[in-house]
Amino acid sequence: MGNSVVDATLEAVERSADSKIFDQYPMLKNGDFVRFCVHRRENCGSDRRFLAIYGAMKELIEEGRGVLLISLFQTEEALKRLGLKEEVEKLVSSHPNFIYSPVWPKYGDVIAAMRNAAVCATDSGSMQEEMNVLGVPCVTLRFGSDRSESAMNGGNIIAPPVSSHIVKESILYSWKNEKMRQAPKIYGGGVSEKSIDVVEKILKKGEIFRADEERLHL
């Protein structure tokens, strides 16, 4: 059993010691923040769902909670479509507890910040796996998940974005939740090395280069 996401995450953890991200964003150093990452079309393309997530985030910011919003292409499109871009920029200028940033190019920086977070709120699939590896509470902003095992395992909460109240309360419940942080690791490890070994074995035999007739024994 294993997952290549685990291998990539653990490798990035080793490199994260050299990350300068906390020099760039000192507010993240104490770890008392939520990392938002919302990019799925089902959320960004729906006014109701996006506004539920945005409303929860705004309330947390205005209450003084640390918030890091990683804005991807679909996030930006939703902010512009709903006329929220200017408001977000005003929140940044008036609230030092709010960081609004495009996606970071270095994975080591991403992992350094995520492993330091109090909770991560996301609609990403791989992040649900990364949070399990890092031992960080995860709130999945969807109606379901293809990583439902992480929710059954206790480290992930499914929070349907139907209202700001549901999203916000799910995040606050998960904030530095020690029970969620102690959820067992379920995705194994070392699968990347095993996969490479299998591919190299096949290449060495030359089986992949055989004609179709030979491979099908025709």
N, C-alpha and C. Protein backbone atom coordinates (compact mmCIF):
# COMPACT_ATOMS: atom_id res chain seq x y z
N MET A 1 0.84 -1.19 0.00
CA MET A 1 0.00 0.00 0.00
C MET A 1 0.88 1.24 0.00
N GLY A 2 0.48 2.26 -0.72
CA GLY A 2 1.26 3.48 -0.74
C GLY A 2 0.62 4.51 -1.65
N ASN A 3 1.19 5.68 -1.65
CA ASN A 3 0.66 6.78 -2.44
C ASN A 3 1.81 7.72 -2.76
N SER A 4 1.95 8.07 -4.04
CA SER A 4 3.05 8.94 -4.45
C SER A 4 2.96 10.32 -3.82
N VAL A 5 1.73 10.76 -3.46
CA VAL A 5 1.57 12.05 -2.78
C VAL A 5 2.31 12.03 -1.45
N VAL A 6 2.27 10.89 -0.75
CA VAL A 6 2.97 10.75 0.52
C VAL A 6 4.46 10.96 0.32
N ASP A 7 5.01 10.31 -0.69
CA ASP A 7 6.45 10.41 -0.95
C ASP A 7 6.86 11.83 -1.28
N ALA A 8 6.06 12.50 -2.12
CA ALA A 8 6.36 13.89 -2.50
C ALA A 8 6.25 14.81 -1.29
N THR A 9 5.25 14.57 -0.44
CA THR A 9 5.06 15.41 0.74
C THR A 9 6.21 15.26 1.72
N LEU A 10 6.60 14.02 1.99
CA LEU A 10 7.68 13.78 2.94
C LEU A 10 9.01 14.33 2.42
N GLU A 11 9.22 14.24 1.11
CA GLU A 11 10.43 14.83 0.54
C GLU A 11 10.42 16.34 0.70
N ALA A 12 9.24 16.95 0.50
CA ALA A 12 9.11 18.41 0.65
C ALA A 12 9.28 18.83 2.11
N VAL A 13 8.86 17.98 3.04
CA VAL A 13 9.05 18.28 4.46
C VAL A 13 10.53 18.44 4.77
N GLU A 14 11.36 17.57 4.20
CA GLU A 14 12.80 17.66 4.41
C GLU A 14 13.35 18.98 3.86
N ARG A 15 12.84 19.39 2.70
CA ARG A 15 13.31 20.64 2.09
C ARG A 15 12.72 21.88 2.75
N SER A 16 11.61 21.71 3.46
CA SER A 16 10.93 22.87 4.04
C SER A 16 11.75 23.56 5.12
N ALA A 17 12.76 22.85 5.65
CA ALA A 17 13.62 23.47 6.66
C ALA A 17 14.38 24.66 6.08
N ASP A 18 14.58 24.66 4.77
CA ASP A 18 15.30 25.76 4.11
C ASP A 18 14.36 26.83 3.57
N SER A 19 13.05 26.68 3.82
CA SER A 19 12.08 27.63 3.29
C SER A 19 12.23 29.00 3.95
N LYS A 20 12.06 30.03 3.14
CA LYS A 20 12.11 31.42 3.63
C LYS A 20 10.71 32.02 3.70
N ILE A 21 9.69 31.17 3.62
CA ILE A 21 8.32 31.67 3.52
C ILE A 21 7.90 32.43 4.78
N PHE A 22 8.45 32.05 5.94
CA PHE A 22 8.08 32.75 7.17
C PHE A 22 8.78 34.09 7.30
N ASP A 23 9.87 34.24 6.57
CA ASP A 23 10.49 35.57 6.50
C ASP A 23 9.63 36.49 5.65
N GLN A 24 9.05 35.90 4.59
CA GLN A 24 8.20 36.68 3.70
C GLN A 24 6.85 37.00 4.34
N TYR A 25 6.32 36.02 5.09
CA TYR A 25 5.02 36.19 5.75
C TYR A 25 5.16 35.83 7.24
N PRO A 26 5.65 36.74 8.05
CA PRO A 26 5.88 36.46 9.49
C PRO A 26 4.61 36.02 10.22
N MET A 27 3.46 36.46 9.76
CA MET A 27 2.21 36.12 10.43
C MET A 27 1.98 34.61 10.48
N LEU A 28 2.56 33.88 9.55
CA LEU A 28 2.34 32.44 9.47
C LEU A 28 3.22 31.66 10.45
N LYS A 29 4.20 32.33 11.02
CA LYS A 29 5.20 31.63 11.82
C LYS A 29 4.61 30.99 13.07
N ASN A 30 3.64 31.66 13.71
CA ASN A 30 3.10 31.10 14.96
C ASN A 30 2.08 29.99 14.72
N GLY A 31 1.69 29.79 13.47
CA GLY A 31 0.82 28.66 13.13
C GLY A 31 -0.65 28.85 13.44
N ASP A 32 -1.04 30.00 13.95
CA ASP A 32 -2.43 30.21 14.34
C ASP A 32 -3.23 30.80 13.18
N PHE A 33 -3.36 30.01 12.11
CA PHE A 33 -4.06 30.50 10.92
C PHE A 33 -4.72 29.34 10.17
N VAL A 34 -5.69 29.69 9.33
CA VAL A 34 -6.32 28.73 8.44
C VAL A 34 -5.86 29.02 7.02
N ARG A 35 -5.53 27.99 6.30
CA ARG A 35 -5.14 28.13 4.89
C ARG A 35 -6.33 27.76 4.02
N PHE A 36 -6.81 28.72 3.25
CA PHE A 36 -7.90 28.48 2.30
C PHE A 36 -7.32 28.22 0.91
N CYS A 37 -7.85 27.20 0.26
CA CYS A 37 -7.50 26.92 -1.14
C CYS A 37 -8.78 26.43 -1.83
N VAL A 38 -9.36 27.27 -2.67
CA VAL A 38 -10.64 26.96 -3.32
C VAL A 38 -10.48 27.15 -4.82
N HIS A 39 -10.62 26.08 -5.58
CA HIS A 39 -10.38 26.20 -7.02
C HIS A 39 -11.30 25.37 -7.90
N ARG A 40 -12.09 24.48 -7.31
CA ARG A 40 -12.95 23.63 -8.13
C ARG A 40 -14.07 24.43 -8.78
N ARG A 41 -14.39 24.07 -10.01
CA ARG A 41 -15.45 24.77 -10.74
C ARG A 41 -16.79 24.63 -10.03
N GLU A 42 -17.01 23.51 -9.37
CA GLU A 42 -18.29 23.31 -8.69
C GLU A 42 -18.49 24.34 -7.58
N ASN A 43 -17.40 24.87 -7.02
CA ASN A 43 -17.47 25.93 -6.01
C ASN A 43 -17.31 27.32 -6.62
N CYS A 44 -16.28 27.47 -7.45
CA CYS A 44 -16.00 28.79 -8.02
C CYS A 44 -17.01 29.20 -9.08
N GLY A 45 -17.66 28.23 -9.68
CA GLY A 45 -18.66 28.54 -10.70
C GLY A 45 -20.06 28.71 -10.14
N SER A 46 -20.24 28.46 -8.86
CA SER A 46 -21.54 28.59 -8.21
C SER A 46 -21.51 29.80 -7.28
N ASP A 47 -22.38 30.76 -7.54
CA ASP A 47 -22.42 31.95 -6.69
C ASP A 47 -22.71 31.57 -5.24
N ARG A 48 -23.69 30.70 -5.03
CA ARG A 48 -24.09 30.36 -3.66
C ARG A 48 -22.94 29.67 -2.91
N ARG A 49 -22.31 28.72 -3.54
CA ARG A 49 -21.25 27.98 -2.85
C ARG A 49 -20.04 28.88 -2.58
N PHE A 50 -19.65 29.65 -3.58
CA PHE A 50 -18.48 30.50 -3.39
C PHE A 50 -18.74 31.55 -2.32
N LEU A 51 -19.92 32.14 -2.33
CA LEU A 51 -20.24 33.17 -1.33
C LEU A 51 -20.33 32.59 0.07
N ALA A 52 -20.74 31.33 0.19
CA ALA A 52 -20.76 30.68 1.50
C ALA A 52 -19.34 30.55 2.05
N ILE A 53 -18.42 30.14 1.18
CA ILE A 53 -17.02 30.00 1.59
C ILE A 53 -16.40 31.37 1.86
N TYR A 54 -16.64 32.30 0.95
CA TYR A 54 -16.09 33.64 1.10
C TYR A 54 -16.62 34.32 2.36
N GLY A 55 -17.92 34.16 2.63
CA GLY A 55 -18.51 34.77 3.80
C GLY A 55 -17.89 34.27 5.09
N ALA A 56 -17.64 32.96 5.14
CA ALA A 56 -17.00 32.38 6.33
C ALA A 56 -15.59 32.93 6.50
N MET A 57 -14.87 33.00 5.39
CA MET A 57 -13.50 33.53 5.43
C MET A 57 -13.49 34.98 5.90
N LYS A 58 -14.40 35.77 5.38
CA LYS A 58 -14.47 37.19 5.74
C LYS A 58 -14.77 37.36 7.23
N GLU A 59 -15.70 36.56 7.75
CA GLU A 59 -16.02 36.65 9.17
C GLU A 59 -14.81 36.31 10.03
N LEU A 60 -14.06 35.28 9.64
CA LEU A 60 -12.86 34.89 10.39
C LEU A 60 -11.83 36.02 10.38
N ILE A 61 -11.66 36.65 9.22
CA ILE A 61 -10.72 37.76 9.11
C ILE A 61 -11.13 38.90 10.02
N GLU A 62 -12.40 39.27 9.95
CA GLU A 62 -12.89 40.41 10.73
C GLU A 62 -12.89 40.13 12.24
N GLU A 63 -12.89 38.85 12.61
CA GLU A 63 -12.81 38.49 14.02
C GLU A 63 -11.37 38.40 14.51
N GLY A 64 -10.42 38.64 13.60
CA GLY A 64 -9.02 38.64 13.99
C GLY A 64 -8.29 37.32 13.83
N ARG A 65 -8.96 36.33 13.25
CA ARG A 65 -8.31 35.04 13.01
C ARG A 65 -7.30 35.16 11.87
N GLY A 66 -6.20 34.43 11.98
CA GLY A 66 -5.23 34.41 10.90
C GLY A 66 -5.77 33.67 9.70
N VAL A 67 -5.70 34.28 8.53
CA VAL A 67 -6.23 33.66 7.31
C VAL A 67 -5.22 33.82 6.18
N LEU A 68 -4.92 32.71 5.52
CA LEU A 68 -4.09 32.70 4.32
C LEU A 68 -4.96 32.21 3.17
N LEU A 69 -5.19 33.06 2.19
CA LEU A 69 -5.96 32.68 1.00
C LEU A 69 -4.99 32.51 -0.17
N ILE A 70 -4.88 31.28 -0.65
CA ILE A 70 -4.10 31.01 -1.85
C ILE A 70 -5.06 31.08 -3.03
N SER A 71 -4.86 32.07 -3.88
CA SER A 71 -5.80 32.31 -4.96
C SER A 71 -5.30 31.72 -6.28
N LEU A 72 -6.06 30.79 -6.81
CA LEU A 72 -5.74 30.20 -8.09
C LEU A 72 -6.60 30.84 -9.18
N PHE A 73 -6.46 30.36 -10.41
CA PHE A 73 -7.15 30.97 -11.54
C PHE A 73 -8.66 31.02 -11.33
N GLN A 74 -9.25 29.90 -10.94
CA GLN A 74 -10.70 29.87 -10.75
C GLN A 74 -11.14 30.75 -9.58
N THR A 75 -10.29 30.83 -8.55
CA THR A 75 -10.59 31.70 -7.41
C THR A 75 -10.69 33.14 -7.88
N GLU A 76 -9.70 33.55 -8.67
CA GLU A 76 -9.68 34.92 -9.18
C GLU A 76 -10.89 35.22 -10.05
N GLU A 77 -11.25 34.26 -10.89
CA GLU A 77 -12.40 34.44 -11.77
C GLU A 77 -13.68 34.64 -10.96
N ALA A 78 -13.83 33.87 -9.89
CA ALA A 78 -15.02 34.00 -9.04
C ALA A 78 -15.04 35.34 -8.32
N LEU A 79 -13.90 35.78 -7.81
CA LEU A 79 -13.82 37.07 -7.12
C LEU A 79 -14.20 38.21 -8.06
N LYS A 80 -13.71 38.14 -9.30
CA LYS A 80 -14.02 39.18 -10.27
C LYS A 80 -15.48 39.14 -10.69
N ARG A 81 -16.01 37.94 -10.93
CA ARG A 81 -17.40 37.80 -11.38
C ARG A 81 -18.38 38.32 -10.35
N LEU A 82 -18.05 38.10 -9.08
CA LEU A 82 -18.96 38.49 -8.00
C LEU A 82 -18.64 39.88 -7.44
N GLY A 83 -17.70 40.57 -8.07
CA GLY A 83 -17.38 41.93 -7.65
C GLY A 83 -16.73 42.02 -6.28
N LEU A 84 -15.94 41.00 -5.93
CA LEU A 84 -15.34 40.94 -4.59
C LEU A 84 -13.86 41.29 -4.57
N LYS A 85 -13.28 41.49 -5.75
CA LYS A 85 -11.84 41.72 -5.82
C LYS A 85 -11.42 42.94 -5.00
N GLU A 86 -12.11 44.05 -5.15
CA GLU A 86 -11.77 45.28 -4.43
C GLU A 86 -11.94 45.08 -2.92
N GLU A 87 -12.99 44.35 -2.54
CA GLU A 87 -13.23 44.12 -1.12
C GLU A 87 -12.10 43.30 -0.51
N VAL A 88 -11.64 42.28 -1.22
CA VAL A 88 -10.54 41.46 -0.74
C VAL A 88 -9.29 42.30 -0.54
N GLU A 89 -8.99 43.15 -1.51
CA GLU A 89 -7.82 44.00 -1.40
C GLU A 89 -7.94 44.98 -0.23
N LYS A 90 -9.15 45.46 0.06
CA LYS A 90 -9.36 46.33 1.22
C LYS A 90 -9.16 45.56 2.52
N LEU A 91 -9.60 44.30 2.54
CA LEU A 91 -9.40 43.46 3.72
C LEU A 91 -7.91 43.26 3.99
N VAL A 92 -7.14 43.09 2.93
CA VAL A 92 -5.69 42.93 3.07
C VAL A 92 -5.07 44.18 3.69
N SER A 93 -5.45 45.34 3.19
CA SER A 93 -4.87 46.60 3.65
C SER A 93 -5.28 46.96 5.08
N SER A 94 -6.46 46.50 5.50
CA SER A 94 -6.97 46.87 6.83
C SER A 94 -6.79 45.78 7.89
N HIS A 95 -6.41 44.57 7.47
CA HIS A 95 -6.29 43.46 8.42
C HIS A 95 -4.94 42.76 8.25
N PRO A 96 -3.99 43.01 9.15
CA PRO A 96 -2.68 42.36 9.07
C PRO A 96 -2.74 40.86 9.29
N ASN A 97 -3.87 40.36 9.77
CA ASN A 97 -4.05 38.92 9.98
C ASN A 97 -4.50 38.19 8.71
N PHE A 98 -4.57 38.90 7.59
CA PHE A 98 -5.04 38.31 6.33
C PHE A 98 -3.96 38.40 5.25
N ILE A 99 -3.62 37.25 4.71
CA ILE A 99 -2.66 37.18 3.60
C ILE A 99 -3.40 36.65 2.37
N TYR A 100 -3.28 37.37 1.28
CA TYR A 100 -3.93 37.03 0.00
C TYR A 100 -2.82 36.89 -1.03
N SER A 101 -2.62 35.68 -1.54
CA SER A 101 -1.45 35.43 -2.37
C SER A 101 -1.77 34.48 -3.52
N PRO A 102 -1.12 34.68 -4.67
CA PRO A 102 -1.20 33.67 -5.71
C PRO A 102 -0.44 32.43 -5.26
N VAL A 103 -0.62 31.33 -5.97
CA VAL A 103 0.02 30.07 -5.59
C VAL A 103 1.54 30.23 -5.62
N TRP A 104 2.20 29.63 -4.65
CA TRP A 104 3.65 29.74 -4.54
C TRP A 104 4.34 28.73 -5.45
N PRO A 105 5.43 29.11 -6.09
CA PRO A 105 6.08 28.22 -7.05
C PRO A 105 6.87 27.07 -6.41
N LYS A 106 7.30 27.23 -5.16
CA LYS A 106 8.14 26.21 -4.52
C LYS A 106 7.28 25.34 -3.60
N TYR A 107 7.28 24.04 -3.90
CA TYR A 107 6.47 23.10 -3.11
C TYR A 107 6.95 23.05 -1.67
N GLY A 108 8.24 23.24 -1.46
CA GLY A 108 8.77 23.25 -0.10
C GLY A 108 8.16 24.36 0.74
N ASP A 109 7.90 25.52 0.12
CA ASP A 109 7.24 26.62 0.81
C ASP A 109 5.80 26.27 1.14
N VAL A 110 5.14 25.65 0.19
CA VAL A 110 3.73 25.25 0.38
C VAL A 110 3.61 24.31 1.58
N ILE A 111 4.47 23.30 1.61
CA ILE A 111 4.42 22.32 2.70
C ILE A 111 4.83 22.95 4.03
N ALA A 112 5.81 23.84 4.01
CA ALA A 112 6.24 24.51 5.25
C ALA A 112 5.07 25.25 5.88
N ALA A 113 4.29 25.96 5.06
CA ALA A 113 3.15 26.72 5.58
C ALA A 113 2.01 25.78 5.98
N MET A 114 1.71 24.78 5.16
CA MET A 114 0.59 23.89 5.46
C MET A 114 0.83 23.10 6.74
N ARG A 115 2.03 22.63 6.95
CA ARG A 115 2.28 21.83 8.16
C ARG A 115 2.26 22.71 9.41
N ASN A 116 2.35 24.02 9.23
CA ASN A 116 2.32 24.95 10.35
C ASN A 116 0.91 25.47 10.65
N ALA A 117 -0.03 25.19 9.73
CA ALA A 117 -1.38 25.74 9.85
C ALA A 117 -2.16 25.10 11.00
N ALA A 118 -3.11 25.86 11.54
CA ALA A 118 -4.01 25.32 12.55
C ALA A 118 -5.03 24.40 11.91
N VAL A 119 -5.40 24.71 10.67
CA VAL A 119 -6.38 23.94 9.90
C VAL A 119 -6.27 24.38 8.45
N CYS A 120 -6.58 23.48 7.54
CA CYS A 120 -6.61 23.83 6.12
C CYS A 120 -8.03 23.59 5.60
N ALA A 121 -8.56 24.59 4.92
CA ALA A 121 -9.91 24.50 4.33
C ALA A 121 -9.74 24.48 2.82
N THR A 122 -10.22 23.43 2.18
CA THR A 122 -9.89 23.24 0.77
C THR A 122 -10.96 22.44 0.04
N ASP A 123 -10.97 22.55 -1.28
CA ASP A 123 -11.76 21.64 -2.09
C ASP A 123 -10.85 20.76 -2.95
N SER A 124 -9.57 20.78 -2.62
CA SER A 124 -8.58 19.98 -3.34
C SER A 124 -8.63 18.52 -2.91
N GLY A 125 -8.34 17.63 -3.83
CA GLY A 125 -8.27 16.21 -3.49
C GLY A 125 -6.95 15.85 -2.84
N SER A 126 -5.85 16.21 -3.47
CA SER A 126 -4.54 15.83 -2.95
C SER A 126 -4.25 16.46 -1.60
N MET A 127 -4.79 17.65 -1.34
CA MET A 127 -4.55 18.29 -0.05
C MET A 127 -5.13 17.47 1.10
N GLN A 128 -6.20 16.75 0.85
CA GLN A 128 -6.77 15.90 1.89
C GLN A 128 -5.79 14.80 2.27
N GLU A 129 -5.03 14.33 1.29
CA GLU A 129 -4.00 13.33 1.55
C GLU A 129 -2.80 13.97 2.24
N GLU A 130 -2.41 15.14 1.77
CA GLU A 130 -1.27 15.84 2.37
C GLU A 130 -1.52 16.15 3.83
N MET A 131 -2.76 16.55 4.16
CA MET A 131 -3.08 16.88 5.55
C MET A 131 -2.97 15.66 6.45
N ASN A 132 -3.34 14.50 5.93
CA ASN A 132 -3.19 13.27 6.70
C ASN A 132 -1.72 12.98 6.97
N VAL A 133 -0.89 13.17 5.97
CA VAL A 133 0.55 12.95 6.13
C VAL A 133 1.13 13.92 7.15
N LEU A 134 0.71 15.19 7.08
CA LEU A 134 1.28 16.23 7.94
C LEU A 134 0.64 16.28 9.32
N GLY A 135 -0.49 15.61 9.51
CA GLY A 135 -1.17 15.65 10.80
C GLY A 135 -1.84 16.99 11.07
N VAL A 136 -2.39 17.60 10.02
CA VAL A 136 -3.07 18.89 10.14
C VAL A 136 -4.56 18.69 9.88
N PRO A 137 -5.44 19.22 10.72
CA PRO A 137 -6.88 19.09 10.49
C PRO A 137 -7.28 19.66 9.13
N CYS A 138 -8.16 18.95 8.46
CA CYS A 138 -8.60 19.35 7.12
C CYS A 138 -10.12 19.53 7.11
N VAL A 139 -10.56 20.62 6.50
CA VAL A 139 -12.00 20.83 6.26
C VAL A 139 -12.20 20.85 4.76
N THR A 140 -12.93 19.87 4.26
CA THR A 140 -13.14 19.73 2.82
C THR A 140 -14.43 20.45 2.43
N LEU A 141 -14.29 21.47 1.61
CA LEU A 141 -15.40 22.35 1.24
C LEU A 141 -16.15 21.78 0.03
N ARG A 142 -16.77 20.64 0.25
CA ARG A 142 -17.50 19.96 -0.80
C ARG A 142 -18.67 19.19 -0.18
N PHE A 143 -19.52 18.63 -1.03
CA PHE A 143 -20.65 17.84 -0.54
C PHE A 143 -20.25 16.38 -0.32
N GLY A 144 -19.13 16.01 -0.83
CA GLY A 144 -18.61 14.66 -0.67
C GLY A 144 -17.13 14.69 -1.01
N SER A 145 -16.51 13.53 -1.02
CA SER A 145 -15.08 13.50 -1.31
C SER A 145 -14.67 12.16 -1.87
N ASP A 146 -13.72 12.19 -2.81
CA ASP A 146 -13.13 10.95 -3.30
C ASP A 146 -12.02 10.48 -2.37
N ARG A 147 -11.82 11.21 -1.27
CA ARG A 147 -10.91 10.77 -0.19
C ARG A 147 -11.72 10.60 1.09
N SER A 148 -12.87 9.98 0.97
CA SER A 148 -13.77 9.84 2.12
C SER A 148 -13.12 9.06 3.25
N GLU A 149 -12.13 8.22 2.93
CA GLU A 149 -11.45 7.46 3.98
C GLU A 149 -10.76 8.38 4.98
N SER A 150 -10.32 9.56 4.52
CA SER A 150 -9.66 10.50 5.43
C SER A 150 -10.66 11.11 6.40
N ALA A 151 -11.93 11.22 5.98
CA ALA A 151 -12.98 11.70 6.87
C ALA A 151 -13.37 10.61 7.87
N MET A 152 -13.50 9.38 7.39
CA MET A 152 -13.83 8.27 8.28
C MET A 152 -12.71 8.04 9.28
N ASN A 153 -11.49 8.43 8.90
CA ASN A 153 -10.32 8.25 9.75
C ASN A 153 -10.25 9.27 10.89
N GLY A 154 -11.00 10.37 10.75
CA GLY A 154 -11.08 11.34 11.84
C GLY A 154 -10.28 12.61 11.66
N GLY A 155 -9.51 12.72 10.58
CA GLY A 155 -8.69 13.92 10.40
C GLY A 155 -9.26 14.92 9.42
N ASN A 156 -10.43 14.62 8.87
CA ASN A 156 -11.00 15.45 7.81
C ASN A 156 -12.51 15.60 8.05
N ILE A 157 -13.01 16.81 7.89
CA ILE A 157 -14.45 17.06 8.02
C ILE A 157 -14.99 17.53 6.67
N ILE A 158 -16.08 16.92 6.24
CA ILE A 158 -16.74 17.35 5.01
C ILE A 158 -17.71 18.48 5.38
N ALA A 159 -17.47 19.66 4.82
CA ALA A 159 -18.30 20.84 5.13
C ALA A 159 -18.97 21.34 3.86
N PRO A 160 -20.19 20.92 3.56
CA PRO A 160 -20.88 21.38 2.36
C PRO A 160 -21.02 22.90 2.36
N PRO A 161 -20.59 23.58 1.29
CA PRO A 161 -20.65 25.04 1.27
C PRO A 161 -22.04 25.57 0.92
N VAL A 162 -22.99 25.31 1.82
CA VAL A 162 -24.35 25.79 1.62
C VAL A 162 -24.62 27.06 2.42
N SER A 163 -23.79 27.32 3.44
CA SER A 163 -23.93 28.54 4.23
C SER A 163 -22.60 28.88 4.87
N SER A 164 -22.39 30.16 5.12
CA SER A 164 -21.16 30.60 5.77
C SER A 164 -21.05 30.01 7.18
N HIS A 165 -22.20 29.86 7.83
CA HIS A 165 -22.22 29.34 9.21
C HIS A 165 -21.63 27.93 9.27
N ILE A 166 -22.06 27.06 8.36
CA ILE A 166 -21.57 25.67 8.35
C ILE A 166 -20.07 25.65 8.10
N VAL A 167 -19.61 26.42 7.12
CA VAL A 167 -18.19 26.45 6.79
C VAL A 167 -17.37 26.99 7.95
N LYS A 168 -17.80 28.10 8.50
CA LYS A 168 -17.06 28.74 9.59
C LYS A 168 -17.00 27.84 10.83
N GLU A 169 -18.13 27.28 11.24
CA GLU A 169 -18.15 26.44 12.44
C GLU A 169 -17.33 25.17 12.25
N SER A 170 -17.30 24.64 11.05
CA SER A 170 -16.48 23.45 10.78
C SER A 170 -15.00 23.78 10.92
N ILE A 171 -14.62 24.96 10.45
CA ILE A 171 -13.23 25.40 10.56
C ILE A 171 -12.86 25.64 12.02
N LEU A 172 -13.73 26.32 12.77
CA LEU A 172 -13.44 26.61 14.18
C LEU A 172 -13.37 25.33 15.00
N TYR A 173 -14.22 24.35 14.69
CA TYR A 173 -14.17 23.07 15.39
C TYR A 173 -12.83 22.37 15.14
N SER A 174 -12.34 22.50 13.93
CA SER A 174 -11.11 21.80 13.54
C SER A 174 -9.84 22.53 13.96
N TRP A 175 -9.97 23.79 14.34
CA TRP A 175 -8.81 24.65 14.63
C TRP A 175 -7.93 24.03 15.73
N LYS A 176 -6.75 23.60 15.36
CA LYS A 176 -5.80 22.98 16.29
C LYS A 176 -6.43 21.83 17.08
N ASN A 177 -7.39 21.15 16.47
CA ASN A 177 -8.09 20.04 17.11
C ASN A 177 -7.12 18.87 17.27
N GLU A 178 -6.74 18.60 18.52
CA GLU A 178 -5.71 17.58 18.77
C GLU A 178 -6.15 16.18 18.36
N LYS A 179 -7.43 15.89 18.51
CA LYS A 179 -7.92 14.57 18.11
C LYS A 179 -7.76 14.39 16.60
N MET A 180 -8.07 15.44 15.85
CA MET A 180 -7.92 15.36 14.40
C MET A 180 -6.45 15.29 14.01
N ARG A 181 -5.61 15.99 14.75
CA ARG A 181 -4.17 16.00 14.45
C ARG A 181 -3.54 14.63 14.70
N GLN A 182 -4.15 13.85 15.57
CA GLN A 182 -3.61 12.54 15.91
C GLN A 182 -4.23 11.42 15.06
N ALA A 183 -5.01 11.77 14.06
CA ALA A 183 -5.62 10.74 13.20
C ALA A 183 -4.53 9.86 12.59
N PRO A 184 -4.72 8.54 12.57
CA PRO A 184 -3.70 7.64 12.02
C PRO A 184 -3.37 7.94 10.57
N LYS A 185 -2.13 7.73 10.21
CA LYS A 185 -1.69 7.87 8.82
C LYS A 185 -2.20 6.67 8.03
N ILE A 186 -2.85 6.92 6.90
CA ILE A 186 -3.52 5.82 6.19
C ILE A 186 -3.04 5.62 4.76
N TYR A 187 -2.10 6.45 4.30
CA TYR A 187 -1.74 6.38 2.88
C TYR A 187 -0.39 5.72 2.59
N GLY A 188 0.19 5.09 3.60
CA GLY A 188 1.41 4.33 3.36
C GLY A 188 2.57 5.19 2.93
N GLY A 189 3.43 4.61 2.09
CA GLY A 189 4.60 5.34 1.61
C GLY A 189 5.51 4.42 0.82
N GLY A 190 6.47 5.02 0.14
CA GLY A 190 7.44 4.23 -0.63
C GLY A 190 6.94 3.70 -1.95
N VAL A 191 5.74 4.10 -2.37
CA VAL A 191 5.18 3.56 -3.60
C VAL A 191 5.91 4.07 -4.83
N SER A 192 6.47 5.27 -4.77
CA SER A 192 7.16 5.84 -5.93
C SER A 192 8.37 4.98 -6.30
N GLU A 193 9.13 4.59 -5.30
CA GLU A 193 10.31 3.75 -5.55
C GLU A 193 9.90 2.41 -6.13
N LYS A 194 8.83 1.83 -5.59
CA LYS A 194 8.35 0.54 -6.11
C LYS A 194 7.88 0.67 -7.55
N SER A 195 7.19 1.77 -7.87
CA SER A 195 6.69 1.97 -9.23
C SER A 195 7.83 2.12 -10.22
N ILE A 196 8.86 2.85 -9.83
CA ILE A 196 10.03 3.04 -10.69
C ILE A 196 10.73 1.70 -10.92
N ASP A 197 10.82 0.88 -9.87
CA ASP A 197 11.45 -0.44 -10.01
C ASP A 197 10.70 -1.30 -11.02
N VAL A 198 9.37 -1.25 -10.97
CA VAL A 198 8.55 -2.05 -11.90
C VAL A 198 8.76 -1.56 -13.34
N VAL A 199 8.74 -0.24 -13.53
CA VAL A 199 8.93 0.32 -14.87
C VAL A 199 10.31 -0.04 -15.41
N GLU A 200 11.33 0.09 -14.59
CA GLU A 200 12.69 -0.24 -15.03
C GLU A 200 12.80 -1.72 -15.39
N LYS A 201 12.11 -2.57 -14.65
CA LYS A 201 12.11 -4.00 -14.94
C LYS A 201 11.48 -4.29 -16.30
N ILE A 202 10.35 -3.61 -16.57
CA ILE A 202 9.66 -3.79 -17.86
C ILE A 202 10.54 -3.29 -18.99
N LEU A 203 11.15 -2.11 -18.80
CA LEU A 203 12.02 -1.55 -19.83
C LEU A 203 13.23 -2.44 -20.10
N LYS A 204 13.75 -3.02 -19.04
CA LYS A 204 14.92 -3.89 -19.19
C LYS A 204 14.59 -5.13 -20.01
N LYS A 205 13.38 -5.64 -19.83
CA LYS A 205 12.95 -6.81 -20.60
C LYS A 205 12.63 -6.45 -22.04
N GLY A 206 12.38 -5.17 -22.29
CA GLY A 206 12.06 -4.73 -23.63
C GLY A 206 10.64 -5.05 -24.07
N GLU A 207 9.80 -5.45 -23.11
CA GLU A 207 8.45 -5.87 -23.45
C GLU A 207 7.62 -4.73 -24.04
N ILE A 208 7.89 -3.53 -23.61
CA ILE A 208 7.09 -2.41 -24.05
C ILE A 208 7.32 -2.06 -25.51
N PHE A 209 8.44 -2.52 -26.05
CA PHE A 209 8.79 -2.18 -27.43
C PHE A 209 8.40 -3.27 -28.42
N ARG A 210 7.75 -4.34 -27.96
CA ARG A 210 7.34 -5.41 -28.86
C ARG A 210 6.19 -4.97 -29.75
N ALA A 211 6.11 -5.57 -30.91
CA ALA A 211 4.99 -5.30 -31.82
C ALA A 211 3.69 -5.78 -31.20
N ASP A 212 2.58 -5.16 -31.59
CA ASP A 212 1.27 -5.52 -31.01
C ASP A 212 0.96 -6.99 -31.23
N GLU A 213 1.29 -7.50 -32.41
CA GLU A 213 1.00 -8.91 -32.71
C GLU A 213 1.75 -9.84 -31.76
N GLU A 214 3.00 -9.49 -31.46
CA GLU A 214 3.79 -10.32 -30.57
C GLU A 214 3.26 -10.23 -29.13
N ARG A 215 2.88 -9.03 -28.72
CA ARG A 215 2.37 -8.86 -27.35
C ARG A 215 1.04 -9.57 -27.15
N LEU A 216 0.26 -9.64 -28.24
CA LEU A 216 -1.05 -10.29 -28.17
C LEU A 216 -0.99 -11.76 -28.58
N HIS A 217 0.25 -12.23 -28.89
CA HIS A 217 0.44 -13.63 -29.29
C HIS A 217 -0.38 -13.99 -30.52
N LEU A 218 -0.43 -13.07 -31.50
CA LEU A 218 -1.19 -13.33 -32.73
C LEU A 218 -0.29 -13.98 -33.78
